[in-house]
mmCIF file of all heavy atoms, coordinates in Angstrom:
data_MODEL
# 
_entry.id   MODEL 
# 
loop_
_atom_site.group_PDB 
_atom_site.id 
_atom_site.type_symbol 
_atom_site.label_atom_id 
_atom_site.label_alt_id 
_atom_site.label_comp_id 
_atom_site.label_asym_id 
_atom_site.label_entity_id 
_atom_site.label_seq_id 
_atom_site.pdbx_PDB_ins_code 
_atom_site.Cartn_x 
_atom_site.Cartn_y 
_atom_site.Cartn_z 
_atom_site.occupancy 
_atom_site.B_iso_or_equiv 
_atom_site.pdbx_formal_charge 
_atom_site.auth_seq_id 
_atom_site.auth_comp_id 
_atom_site.auth_asym_id 
_atom_site.auth_atom_id 
_atom_site.pdbx_PDB_model_num 
ATOM 1   N N   . VAL A 1 1  ? 39.281 11.994  25.962 1.00 0.00 ? 1  VAL A N   1 
ATOM 2   C CA  . VAL A 1 1  ? 38.267 13.023  26.195 1.00 0.00 ? 1  VAL A CA  1 
ATOM 3   C C   . VAL A 1 1  ? 36.870 12.406  26.189 1.00 0.00 ? 1  VAL A C   1 
ATOM 4   O O   . VAL A 1 1  ? 36.012 12.767  26.996 1.00 0.00 ? 1  VAL A O   1 
ATOM 5   C CB  . VAL A 1 1  ? 38.372 14.125  25.113 1.00 0.00 ? 1  VAL A CB  1 
ATOM 6   C CG1 . VAL A 1 1  ? 37.147 15.025  25.129 1.00 0.00 ? 1  VAL A CG1 1 
ATOM 7   C CG2 . VAL A 1 1  ? 39.639 14.948  25.317 1.00 0.00 ? 1  VAL A CG2 1 
ATOM 8   N N   . MET A 1 2  ? 36.656 11.448  25.309 1.00 0.00 ? 2  MET A N   1 
ATOM 9   C CA  . MET A 1 2  ? 35.318 10.916  25.112 1.00 0.00 ? 2  MET A CA  1 
ATOM 10  C C   . MET A 1 2  ? 34.816 10.088  26.287 1.00 0.00 ? 2  MET A C   1 
ATOM 11  O O   . MET A 1 2  ? 33.653 10.205  26.696 1.00 0.00 ? 2  MET A O   1 
ATOM 12  C CB  . MET A 1 2  ? 35.293 10.093  23.823 1.00 0.00 ? 2  MET A CB  1 
ATOM 13  C CG  . MET A 1 2  ? 35.572 10.940  22.588 1.00 0.00 ? 2  MET A CG  1 
ATOM 14  S SD  . MET A 1 2  ? 35.877 9.971   21.088 1.00 0.00 ? 2  MET A SD  1 
ATOM 15  C CE  . MET A 1 2  ? 37.545 9.378   21.373 1.00 0.00 ? 2  MET A CE  1 
ATOM 16  N N   . ASN A 1 3  ? 35.649 9.243   26.863 1.00 0.00 ? 3  ASN A N   1 
ATOM 17  C CA  . ASN A 1 3  ? 35.162 8.307   27.885 1.00 0.00 ? 3  ASN A CA  1 
ATOM 18  C C   . ASN A 1 3  ? 35.688 8.603   29.284 1.00 0.00 ? 3  ASN A C   1 
ATOM 19  O O   . ASN A 1 3  ? 35.671 7.725   30.156 1.00 0.00 ? 3  ASN A O   1 
ATOM 20  C CB  . ASN A 1 3  ? 35.508 6.869   27.497 1.00 0.00 ? 3  ASN A CB  1 
ATOM 21  C CG  . ASN A 1 3  ? 37.007 6.593   27.510 1.00 0.00 ? 3  ASN A CG  1 
ATOM 22  O OD1 . ASN A 1 3  ? 37.818 7.515   27.475 1.00 0.00 ? 3  ASN A OD1 1 
ATOM 23  N ND2 . ASN A 1 3  ? 37.382 5.329   27.544 1.00 0.00 ? 3  ASN A ND2 1 
ATOM 24  N N   . ALA A 1 4  ? 36.148 9.819   29.531 1.00 0.00 ? 4  ALA A N   1 
ATOM 25  C CA  . ALA A 1 4  ? 36.733 10.155  30.838 1.00 0.00 ? 4  ALA A CA  1 
ATOM 26  C C   . ALA A 1 4  ? 35.752 9.927   31.985 1.00 0.00 ? 4  ALA A C   1 
ATOM 27  O O   . ALA A 1 4  ? 36.154 9.566   33.097 1.00 0.00 ? 4  ALA A O   1 
ATOM 28  C CB  . ALA A 1 4  ? 37.212 11.604  30.844 1.00 0.00 ? 4  ALA A CB  1 
ATOM 29  N N   . PHE A 1 5  ? 34.468 10.118  31.735 1.00 0.00 ? 5  PHE A N   1 
ATOM 30  C CA  . PHE A 1 5  ? 33.441 9.842   32.746 1.00 0.00 ? 5  PHE A CA  1 
ATOM 31  C C   . PHE A 1 5  ? 32.932 8.402   32.638 1.00 0.00 ? 5  PHE A C   1 
ATOM 32  O O   . PHE A 1 5  ? 32.782 7.699   33.639 1.00 0.00 ? 5  PHE A O   1 
ATOM 33  C CB  . PHE A 1 5  ? 32.261 10.805  32.600 1.00 0.00 ? 5  PHE A CB  1 
ATOM 34  C CG  . PHE A 1 5  ? 32.578 12.235  32.945 1.00 0.00 ? 5  PHE A CG  1 
ATOM 35  C CD1 . PHE A 1 5  ? 32.414 13.237  32.008 1.00 0.00 ? 5  PHE A CD1 1 
ATOM 36  C CD2 . PHE A 1 5  ? 33.040 12.579  34.208 1.00 0.00 ? 5  PHE A CD2 1 
ATOM 37  C CE1 . PHE A 1 5  ? 32.700 14.558  32.316 1.00 0.00 ? 5  PHE A CE1 1 
ATOM 38  C CE2 . PHE A 1 5  ? 33.336 13.899  34.533 1.00 0.00 ? 5  PHE A CE2 1 
ATOM 39  C CZ  . PHE A 1 5  ? 33.161 14.896  33.586 1.00 0.00 ? 5  PHE A CZ  1 
ATOM 40  N N   . HIS A 1 6  ? 32.681 7.959   31.434 1.00 0.00 ? 6  HIS A N   1 
ATOM 41  C CA  . HIS A 1 6  ? 32.086 6.641   31.206 1.00 0.00 ? 6  HIS A CA  1 
ATOM 42  C C   . HIS A 1 6  ? 32.961 5.517   31.748 1.00 0.00 ? 6  HIS A C   1 
ATOM 43  O O   . HIS A 1 6  ? 32.439 4.452   32.135 1.00 0.00 ? 6  HIS A O   1 
ATOM 44  C CB  . HIS A 1 6  ? 31.848 6.433   29.701 1.00 0.00 ? 6  HIS A CB  1 
ATOM 45  C CG  . HIS A 1 6  ? 31.382 5.051   29.350 1.00 0.00 ? 6  HIS A CG  1 
ATOM 46  N ND1 . HIS A 1 6  ? 30.112 4.595   29.625 1.00 0.00 ? 6  HIS A ND1 1 
ATOM 47  C CD2 . HIS A 1 6  ? 32.028 4.011   28.740 1.00 0.00 ? 6  HIS A CD2 1 
ATOM 48  C CE1 . HIS A 1 6  ? 29.988 3.350   29.212 1.00 0.00 ? 6  HIS A CE1 1 
ATOM 49  N NE2 . HIS A 1 6  ? 31.141 2.971   28.666 1.00 0.00 ? 6  HIS A NE2 1 
ATOM 50  N N   . ILE A 1 7  ? 34.251 5.713   31.803 1.00 0.00 ? 7  ILE A N   1 
ATOM 51  C CA  . ILE A 1 7  ? 35.159 4.653   32.231 1.00 0.00 ? 7  ILE A CA  1 
ATOM 52  C C   . ILE A 1 7  ? 34.830 4.168   33.643 1.00 0.00 ? 7  ILE A C   1 
ATOM 53  O O   . ILE A 1 7  ? 35.044 3.000   33.980 1.00 0.00 ? 7  ILE A O   1 
ATOM 54  C CB  . ILE A 1 7  ? 36.638 5.134   32.137 1.00 0.00 ? 7  ILE A CB  1 
ATOM 55  C CG1 . ILE A 1 7  ? 37.591 3.933   32.097 1.00 0.00 ? 7  ILE A CG1 1 
ATOM 56  C CG2 . ILE A 1 7  ? 36.990 6.095   33.261 1.00 0.00 ? 7  ILE A CG2 1 
ATOM 57  C CD1 . ILE A 1 7  ? 37.531 3.154   30.822 1.00 0.00 ? 7  ILE A CD1 1 
ATOM 58  N N   . LEU A 1 8  ? 34.261 5.045   34.478 1.00 0.00 ? 8  LEU A N   1 
ATOM 59  C CA  . LEU A 1 8  ? 33.863 4.651   35.833 1.00 0.00 ? 8  LEU A CA  1 
ATOM 60  C C   . LEU A 1 8  ? 32.709 3.660   35.792 1.00 0.00 ? 8  LEU A C   1 
ATOM 61  O O   . LEU A 1 8  ? 32.718 2.638   36.492 1.00 0.00 ? 8  LEU A O   1 
ATOM 62  C CB  . LEU A 1 8  ? 33.475 5.880   36.650 1.00 0.00 ? 8  LEU A CB  1 
ATOM 63  C CG  . LEU A 1 8  ? 34.548 6.957   36.810 1.00 0.00 ? 8  LEU A CG  1 
ATOM 64  C CD1 . LEU A 1 8  ? 33.978 8.167   37.545 1.00 0.00 ? 8  LEU A CD1 1 
ATOM 65  C CD2 . LEU A 1 8  ? 35.761 6.411   37.549 1.00 0.00 ? 8  LEU A CD2 1 
ATOM 66  N N   . ASP A 1 9  ? 31.697 3.953   34.985 1.00 0.00 ? 9  ASP A N   1 
ATOM 67  C CA  . ASP A 1 9  ? 30.557 3.037   34.850 1.00 0.00 ? 9  ASP A CA  1 
ATOM 68  C C   . ASP A 1 9  ? 30.988 1.721   34.217 1.00 0.00 ? 9  ASP A C   1 
ATOM 69  O O   . ASP A 1 9  ? 30.480 0.647   34.574 1.00 0.00 ? 9  ASP A O   1 
ATOM 70  C CB  . ASP A 1 9  ? 29.457 3.681   34.002 1.00 0.00 ? 9  ASP A CB  1 
ATOM 71  C CG  . ASP A 1 9  ? 28.832 4.895   34.675 1.00 0.00 ? 9  ASP A CG  1 
ATOM 72  O OD1 . ASP A 1 9  ? 28.753 4.901   35.923 1.00 0.00 ? 9  ASP A OD1 1 
ATOM 73  O OD2 . ASP A 1 9  ? 28.432 5.828   33.965 1.00 0.00 ? 9  ASP A OD2 1 
ATOM 74  N N   . PHE A 1 10 ? 31.909 1.808   33.278 1.00 0.00 ? 10 PHE A N   1 
ATOM 75  C CA  . PHE A 1 10 ? 32.408 0.601   32.624 1.00 0.00 ? 10 PHE A CA  1 
ATOM 76  C C   . PHE A 1 10 ? 33.113 -0.302  33.630 1.00 0.00 ? 10 PHE A C   1 
ATOM 77  O O   . PHE A 1 10 ? 32.880 -1.524  33.658 1.00 0.00 ? 10 PHE A O   1 
ATOM 78  C CB  . PHE A 1 10 ? 33.352 0.987   31.485 1.00 0.00 ? 10 PHE A CB  1 
ATOM 79  C CG  . PHE A 1 10 ? 33.956 -0.173  30.746 1.00 0.00 ? 10 PHE A CG  1 
ATOM 80  C CD1 . PHE A 1 10 ? 33.181 -1.265  30.372 1.00 0.00 ? 10 PHE A CD1 1 
ATOM 81  C CD2 . PHE A 1 10 ? 35.307 -0.178  30.415 1.00 0.00 ? 10 PHE A CD2 1 
ATOM 82  C CE1 . PHE A 1 10 ? 33.731 -2.337  29.681 1.00 0.00 ? 10 PHE A CE1 1 
ATOM 83  C CE2 . PHE A 1 10 ? 35.865 -1.240  29.732 1.00 0.00 ? 10 PHE A CE2 1 
ATOM 84  C CZ  . PHE A 1 10 ? 35.086 -2.320  29.371 1.00 0.00 ? 10 PHE A CZ  1 
ATOM 85  N N   . TYR A 1 11 ? 33.943 0.290   34.466 1.00 0.00 ? 11 TYR A N   1 
ATOM 86  C CA  . TYR A 1 11 ? 34.639 -0.520  35.475 1.00 0.00 ? 11 TYR A CA  1 
ATOM 87  C C   . TYR A 1 11 ? 33.640 -1.178  36.423 1.00 0.00 ? 11 TYR A C   1 
ATOM 88  O O   . TYR A 1 11 ? 33.759 -2.372  36.738 1.00 0.00 ? 11 TYR A O   1 
ATOM 89  C CB  . TYR A 1 11 ? 35.628 0.331   36.268 1.00 0.00 ? 11 TYR A CB  1 
ATOM 90  C CG  . TYR A 1 11 ? 36.309 -0.467  37.366 1.00 0.00 ? 11 TYR A CG  1 
ATOM 91  C CD1 . TYR A 1 11 ? 37.341 -1.347  37.066 1.00 0.00 ? 11 TYR A CD1 1 
ATOM 92  C CD2 . TYR A 1 11 ? 35.886 -0.380  38.700 1.00 0.00 ? 11 TYR A CD2 1 
ATOM 93  C CE1 . TYR A 1 11 ? 37.941 -2.115  38.049 1.00 0.00 ? 11 TYR A CE1 1 
ATOM 94  C CE2 . TYR A 1 11 ? 36.485 -1.139  39.692 1.00 0.00 ? 11 TYR A CE2 1 
ATOM 95  C CZ  . TYR A 1 11 ? 37.509 -2.013  39.360 1.00 0.00 ? 11 TYR A CZ  1 
ATOM 96  O OH  . TYR A 1 11 ? 38.095 -2.779  40.330 1.00 0.00 ? 11 TYR A OH  1 
ATOM 97  N N   . LYS A 1 12 ? 32.668 -0.423  36.875 1.00 0.00 ? 12 LYS A N   1 
ATOM 98  C CA  . LYS A 1 12 ? 31.658 -0.972  37.790 1.00 0.00 ? 12 LYS A CA  1 
ATOM 99  C C   . LYS A 1 12 ? 30.948 -2.158  37.159 1.00 0.00 ? 12 LYS A C   1 
ATOM 100 O O   . LYS A 1 12 ? 30.742 -3.195  37.800 1.00 0.00 ? 12 LYS A O   1 
ATOM 101 C CB  . LYS A 1 12 ? 30.638 0.108   38.171 1.00 0.00 ? 12 LYS A CB  1 
ATOM 102 C CG  . LYS A 1 12 ? 31.176 1.214   39.047 1.00 0.00 ? 12 LYS A CG  1 
ATOM 103 C CD  . LYS A 1 12 ? 30.087 2.259   39.292 1.00 0.00 ? 12 LYS A CD  1 
ATOM 104 C CE  . LYS A 1 12 ? 30.598 3.449   40.064 1.00 0.00 ? 12 LYS A CE  1 
ATOM 105 N NZ  . LYS A 1 12 ? 29.540 4.483   40.244 1.00 0.00 ? 12 LYS A NZ  1 
ATOM 106 N N   . TRP A 1 13 ? 30.565 -2.013  35.884 1.00 0.00 ? 13 TRP A N   1 
ATOM 107 C CA  . TRP A 1 13 ? 29.872 -3.120  35.218 1.00 0.00 ? 13 TRP A CA  1 
ATOM 108 C C   . TRP A 1 13 ? 30.776 -4.349  35.123 1.00 0.00 ? 13 TRP A C   1 
ATOM 109 O O   . TRP A 1 13 ? 30.326 -5.479  35.385 1.00 0.00 ? 13 TRP A O   1 
ATOM 110 C CB  . TRP A 1 13 ? 29.439 -2.713  33.808 1.00 0.00 ? 13 TRP A CB  1 
ATOM 111 C CG  . TRP A 1 13 ? 28.724 -3.830  33.105 1.00 0.00 ? 13 TRP A CG  1 
ATOM 112 C CD1 . TRP A 1 13 ? 27.388 -4.096  33.133 1.00 0.00 ? 13 TRP A CD1 1 
ATOM 113 C CD2 . TRP A 1 13 ? 29.337 -4.888  32.335 1.00 0.00 ? 13 TRP A CD2 1 
ATOM 114 N NE1 . TRP A 1 13 ? 27.111 -5.240  32.419 1.00 0.00 ? 13 TRP A NE1 1 
ATOM 115 C CE2 . TRP A 1 13 ? 28.289 -5.741  31.915 1.00 0.00 ? 13 TRP A CE2 1 
ATOM 116 C CE3 . TRP A 1 13 ? 30.640 -5.176  31.946 1.00 0.00 ? 13 TRP A CE3 1 
ATOM 117 C CZ2 . TRP A 1 13 ? 28.519 -6.871  31.137 1.00 0.00 ? 13 TRP A CZ2 1 
ATOM 118 C CZ3 . TRP A 1 13 ? 30.867 -6.301  31.184 1.00 0.00 ? 13 TRP A CZ3 1 
ATOM 119 C CH2 . TRP A 1 13 ? 29.831 -7.142  30.782 1.00 0.00 ? 13 TRP A CH2 1 
ATOM 120 N N   . CYS A 1 14 ? 32.029 -4.154  34.762 1.00 0.00 ? 14 CYS A N   1 
ATOM 121 C CA  . CYS A 1 14 ? 32.964 -5.275  34.616 1.00 0.00 ? 14 CYS A CA  1 
ATOM 122 C C   . CYS A 1 14 ? 33.093 -6.067  35.911 1.00 0.00 ? 14 CYS A C   1 
ATOM 123 O O   . CYS A 1 14 ? 33.140 -7.307  35.898 1.00 0.00 ? 14 CYS A O   1 
ATOM 124 C CB  . CYS A 1 14 ? 34.339 -4.761  34.180 1.00 0.00 ? 14 CYS A CB  1 
ATOM 125 S SG  . CYS A 1 14 ? 34.434 -4.223  32.460 1.00 0.00 ? 14 CYS A SG  1 
ATOM 126 N N   . VAL A 1 15 ? 33.148 -5.367  37.027 1.00 0.00 ? 15 VAL A N   1 
ATOM 127 C CA  . VAL A 1 15 ? 33.301 -6.026  38.326 1.00 0.00 ? 15 VAL A CA  1 
ATOM 128 C C   . VAL A 1 15 ? 31.982 -6.629  38.798 1.00 0.00 ? 15 VAL A C   1 
ATOM 129 O O   . VAL A 1 15 ? 31.917 -7.790  39.206 1.00 0.00 ? 15 VAL A O   1 
ATOM 130 C CB  . VAL A 1 15 ? 33.854 -5.038  39.373 1.00 0.00 ? 15 VAL A CB  1 
ATOM 131 C CG1 . VAL A 1 15 ? 33.882 -5.677  40.760 1.00 0.00 ? 15 VAL A CG1 1 
ATOM 132 C CG2 . VAL A 1 15 ? 35.255 -4.571  38.974 1.00 0.00 ? 15 VAL A CG2 1 
ATOM 133 N N   . ASP A 1 16 ? 30.915 -5.838  38.742 1.00 0.00 ? 16 ASP A N   1 
ATOM 134 C CA  . ASP A 1 16 ? 29.619 -6.288  39.265 1.00 0.00 ? 16 ASP A CA  1 
ATOM 135 C C   . ASP A 1 16 ? 29.065 -7.477  38.492 1.00 0.00 ? 16 ASP A C   1 
ATOM 136 O O   . ASP A 1 16 ? 28.388 -8.343  39.060 1.00 0.00 ? 16 ASP A O   1 
ATOM 137 C CB  . ASP A 1 16 ? 28.605 -5.141  39.228 1.00 0.00 ? 16 ASP A CB  1 
ATOM 138 C CG  . ASP A 1 16 ? 28.957 -4.015  40.191 1.00 0.00 ? 16 ASP A CG  1 
ATOM 139 O OD1 . ASP A 1 16 ? 29.824 -4.232  41.065 1.00 0.00 ? 16 ASP A OD1 1 
ATOM 140 O OD2 . ASP A 1 16 ? 28.385 -2.918  40.058 1.00 0.00 ? 16 ASP A OD2 1 
ATOM 141 N N   . SER A 1 17 ? 29.355 -7.542  37.195 1.00 0.00 ? 17 SER A N   1 
ATOM 142 C CA  . SER A 1 17 ? 28.862 -8.651  36.373 1.00 0.00 ? 17 SER A CA  1 
ATOM 143 C C   . SER A 1 17 ? 29.820 -9.833  36.371 1.00 0.00 ? 17 SER A C   1 
ATOM 144 O O   . SER A 1 17 ? 29.564 -10.836 35.702 1.00 0.00 ? 17 SER A O   1 
ATOM 145 C CB  . SER A 1 17 ? 28.639 -8.179  34.936 1.00 0.00 ? 17 SER A CB  1 
ATOM 146 O OG  . SER A 1 17 ? 29.880 -7.834  34.327 1.00 0.00 ? 17 SER A OG  1 
ATOM 147 N N   . LYS A 1 18 ? 30.941 -9.700  37.113 1.00 0.00 ? 18 LYS A N   1 
ATOM 148 C CA  . LYS A 1 18 ? 31.975 -10.741 37.178 1.00 0.00 ? 18 LYS A CA  1 
ATOM 149 C C   . LYS A 1 18 ? 32.598 -11.032 35.809 1.00 0.00 ? 18 LYS A C   1 
ATOM 150 O O   . LYS A 1 18 ? 33.051 -12.137 35.521 1.00 0.00 ? 18 LYS A O   1 
ATOM 151 C CB  . LYS A 1 18 ? 31.421 -12.019 37.815 1.00 0.00 ? 18 LYS A CB  1 
ATOM 152 C CG  . LYS A 1 18 ? 31.026 -11.834 39.279 1.00 0.00 ? 18 LYS A CG  1 
ATOM 153 C CD  . LYS A 1 18 ? 30.520 -13.113 39.893 1.00 0.00 ? 18 LYS A CD  1 
ATOM 154 C CE  . LYS A 1 18 ? 30.351 -12.976 41.410 1.00 0.00 ? 18 LYS A CE  1 
ATOM 155 N NZ  . LYS A 1 18 ? 29.562 -11.798 41.833 1.00 0.00 ? 18 LYS A NZ  1 
ATOM 156 N N   . PHE A 1 19 ? 32.615 -10.012 34.966 1.00 0.00 ? 19 PHE A N   1 
ATOM 157 C CA  . PHE A 1 19 ? 33.300 -10.098 33.680 1.00 0.00 ? 19 PHE A CA  1 
ATOM 158 C C   . PHE A 1 19 ? 34.799 -10.242 33.909 1.00 0.00 ? 19 PHE A C   1 
ATOM 159 O O   . PHE A 1 19 ? 35.493 -10.948 33.173 1.00 0.00 ? 19 PHE A O   1 
ATOM 160 C CB  . PHE A 1 19 ? 32.993 -8.838  32.871 1.00 0.00 ? 19 PHE A CB  1 
ATOM 161 C CG  . PHE A 1 19 ? 33.343 -8.902  31.420 1.00 0.00 ? 19 PHE A CG  1 
ATOM 162 C CD1 . PHE A 1 19 ? 32.616 -9.700  30.544 1.00 0.00 ? 19 PHE A CD1 1 
ATOM 163 C CD2 . PHE A 1 19 ? 34.391 -8.148  30.905 1.00 0.00 ? 19 PHE A CD2 1 
ATOM 164 C CE1 . PHE A 1 19 ? 32.927 -9.750  29.194 1.00 0.00 ? 19 PHE A CE1 1 
ATOM 165 C CE2 . PHE A 1 19 ? 34.707 -8.186  29.556 1.00 0.00 ? 19 PHE A CE2 1 
ATOM 166 C CZ  . PHE A 1 19 ? 33.978 -8.995  28.693 1.00 0.00 ? 19 PHE A CZ  1 
ATOM 167 N N   . ILE A 1 20 ? 35.299 -9.560  34.942 1.00 0.00 ? 20 ILE A N   1 
ATOM 168 C CA  . ILE A 1 20 ? 36.699 -9.644  35.364 1.00 0.00 ? 20 ILE A CA  1 
ATOM 169 C C   . ILE A 1 20 ? 36.749 -9.596  36.884 1.00 0.00 ? 20 ILE A C   1 
ATOM 170 O O   . ILE A 1 20 ? 35.760 -9.232  37.545 1.00 0.00 ? 20 ILE A O   1 
ATOM 171 C CB  . ILE A 1 20 ? 37.550 -8.479  34.808 1.00 0.00 ? 20 ILE A CB  1 
ATOM 172 C CG1 . ILE A 1 20 ? 36.956 -7.130  35.247 1.00 0.00 ? 20 ILE A CG1 1 
ATOM 173 C CG2 . ILE A 1 20 ? 37.700 -8.570  33.303 1.00 0.00 ? 20 ILE A CG2 1 
ATOM 174 C CD1 . ILE A 1 20 ? 37.838 -5.937  35.001 1.00 0.00 ? 20 ILE A CD1 1 
ATOM 175 N N   . LEU A 1 21 ? 37.917 -9.916  37.434 1.00 0.00 ? 21 LEU A N   1 
ATOM 176 C CA  . LEU A 1 21 ? 38.176 -9.659  38.847 1.00 0.00 ? 21 LEU A CA  1 
ATOM 177 C C   . LEU A 1 21 ? 38.500 -8.175  39.020 1.00 0.00 ? 21 LEU A C   1 
ATOM 178 O O   . LEU A 1 21 ? 38.940 -7.516  38.061 1.00 0.00 ? 21 LEU A O   1 
ATOM 179 C CB  . LEU A 1 21 ? 39.334 -10.516 39.336 1.00 0.00 ? 21 LEU A CB  1 
ATOM 180 C CG  . LEU A 1 21 ? 39.116 -12.034 39.310 1.00 0.00 ? 21 LEU A CG  1 
ATOM 181 C CD1 . LEU A 1 21 ? 40.403 -12.758 39.704 1.00 0.00 ? 21 LEU A CD1 1 
ATOM 182 C CD2 . LEU A 1 21 ? 37.976 -12.435 40.237 1.00 0.00 ? 21 LEU A CD2 1 
ATOM 183 N N   . PRO A 1 22 ? 38.326 -7.621  40.191 1.00 0.00 ? 22 PRO A N   1 
ATOM 184 C CA  . PRO A 1 22 ? 38.528 -6.177  40.382 1.00 0.00 ? 22 PRO A CA  1 
ATOM 185 C C   . PRO A 1 22 ? 39.895 -5.658  39.959 1.00 0.00 ? 22 PRO A C   1 
ATOM 186 O O   . PRO A 1 22 ? 40.008 -4.512  39.510 1.00 0.00 ? 22 PRO A O   1 
ATOM 187 C CB  . PRO A 1 22 ? 38.313 -5.990  41.896 1.00 0.00 ? 22 PRO A CB  1 
ATOM 188 C CG  . PRO A 1 22 ? 37.379 -7.085  42.271 1.00 0.00 ? 22 PRO A CG  1 
ATOM 189 C CD  . PRO A 1 22 ? 37.788 -8.258  41.413 1.00 0.00 ? 22 PRO A CD  1 
ATOM 190 N N   . THR A 1 23 ? 40.945 -6.492  40.080 1.00 0.00 ? 23 THR A N   1 
ATOM 191 C CA  . THR A 1 23 ? 42.291 -6.031  39.730 1.00 0.00 ? 23 THR A CA  1 
ATOM 192 C C   . THR A 1 23 ? 42.670 -6.319  38.284 1.00 0.00 ? 23 THR A C   1 
ATOM 193 O O   . THR A 1 23 ? 43.771 -5.961  37.844 1.00 0.00 ? 23 THR A O   1 
ATOM 194 C CB  . THR A 1 23 ? 43.342 -6.678  40.655 1.00 0.00 ? 23 THR A CB  1 
ATOM 195 O OG1 . THR A 1 23 ? 43.182 -8.104  40.636 1.00 0.00 ? 23 THR A OG1 1 
ATOM 196 C CG2 . THR A 1 23 ? 43.197 -6.169  42.082 1.00 0.00 ? 23 THR A CG2 1 
ATOM 197 N N   . ASP A 1 24 ? 41.780 -6.956  37.528 1.00 0.00 ? 24 ASP A N   1 
ATOM 198 C CA  . ASP A 1 24 ? 42.085 -7.285  36.129 1.00 0.00 ? 24 ASP A CA  1 
ATOM 199 C C   . ASP A 1 24 ? 41.611 -6.161  35.206 1.00 0.00 ? 24 ASP A C   1 
ATOM 200 O O   . ASP A 1 24 ? 40.882 -6.380  34.222 1.00 0.00 ? 24 ASP A O   1 
ATOM 201 C CB  . ASP A 1 24 ? 41.439 -8.613  35.737 1.00 0.00 ? 24 ASP A CB  1 
ATOM 202 C CG  . ASP A 1 24 ? 42.038 -9.786  36.490 1.00 0.00 ? 24 ASP A CG  1 
ATOM 203 O OD1 . ASP A 1 24 ? 43.175 -9.638  36.980 1.00 0.00 ? 24 ASP A OD1 1 
ATOM 204 O OD2 . ASP A 1 24 ? 41.381 -10.832 36.602 1.00 0.00 ? 24 ASP A OD2 1 
ATOM 205 N N   . PHE A 1 25 ? 42.066 -4.974  35.516 1.00 0.00 ? 25 PHE A N   1 
ATOM 206 C CA  . PHE A 1 25 ? 41.642 -3.777  34.786 1.00 0.00 ? 25 PHE A CA  1 
ATOM 207 C C   . PHE A 1 25 ? 42.804 -2.802  34.783 1.00 0.00 ? 25 PHE A C   1 
ATOM 208 O O   . PHE A 1 25 ? 43.252 -2.355  35.834 1.00 0.00 ? 25 PHE A O   1 
ATOM 209 C CB  . PHE A 1 25 ? 40.437 -3.152  35.495 1.00 0.00 ? 25 PHE A CB  1 
ATOM 210 C CG  . PHE A 1 25 ? 39.677 -2.128  34.684 1.00 0.00 ? 25 PHE A CG  1 
ATOM 211 C CD1 . PHE A 1 25 ? 38.700 -2.517  33.792 1.00 0.00 ? 25 PHE A CD1 1 
ATOM 212 C CD2 . PHE A 1 25 ? 39.926 -0.777  34.839 1.00 0.00 ? 25 PHE A CD2 1 
ATOM 213 C CE1 . PHE A 1 25 ? 37.972 -1.578  33.060 1.00 0.00 ? 25 PHE A CE1 1 
ATOM 214 C CE2 . PHE A 1 25 ? 39.219 0.172   34.111 1.00 0.00 ? 25 PHE A CE2 1 
ATOM 215 C CZ  . PHE A 1 25 ? 38.239 -0.230  33.219 1.00 0.00 ? 25 PHE A CZ  1 
# 
């Protein structure tokens, strides 16, 4: 319930910052 929206921004940051590859999520 808490991060149902935030998870989208989190994924974007992970990919855009090259923290992970797009499929490593």
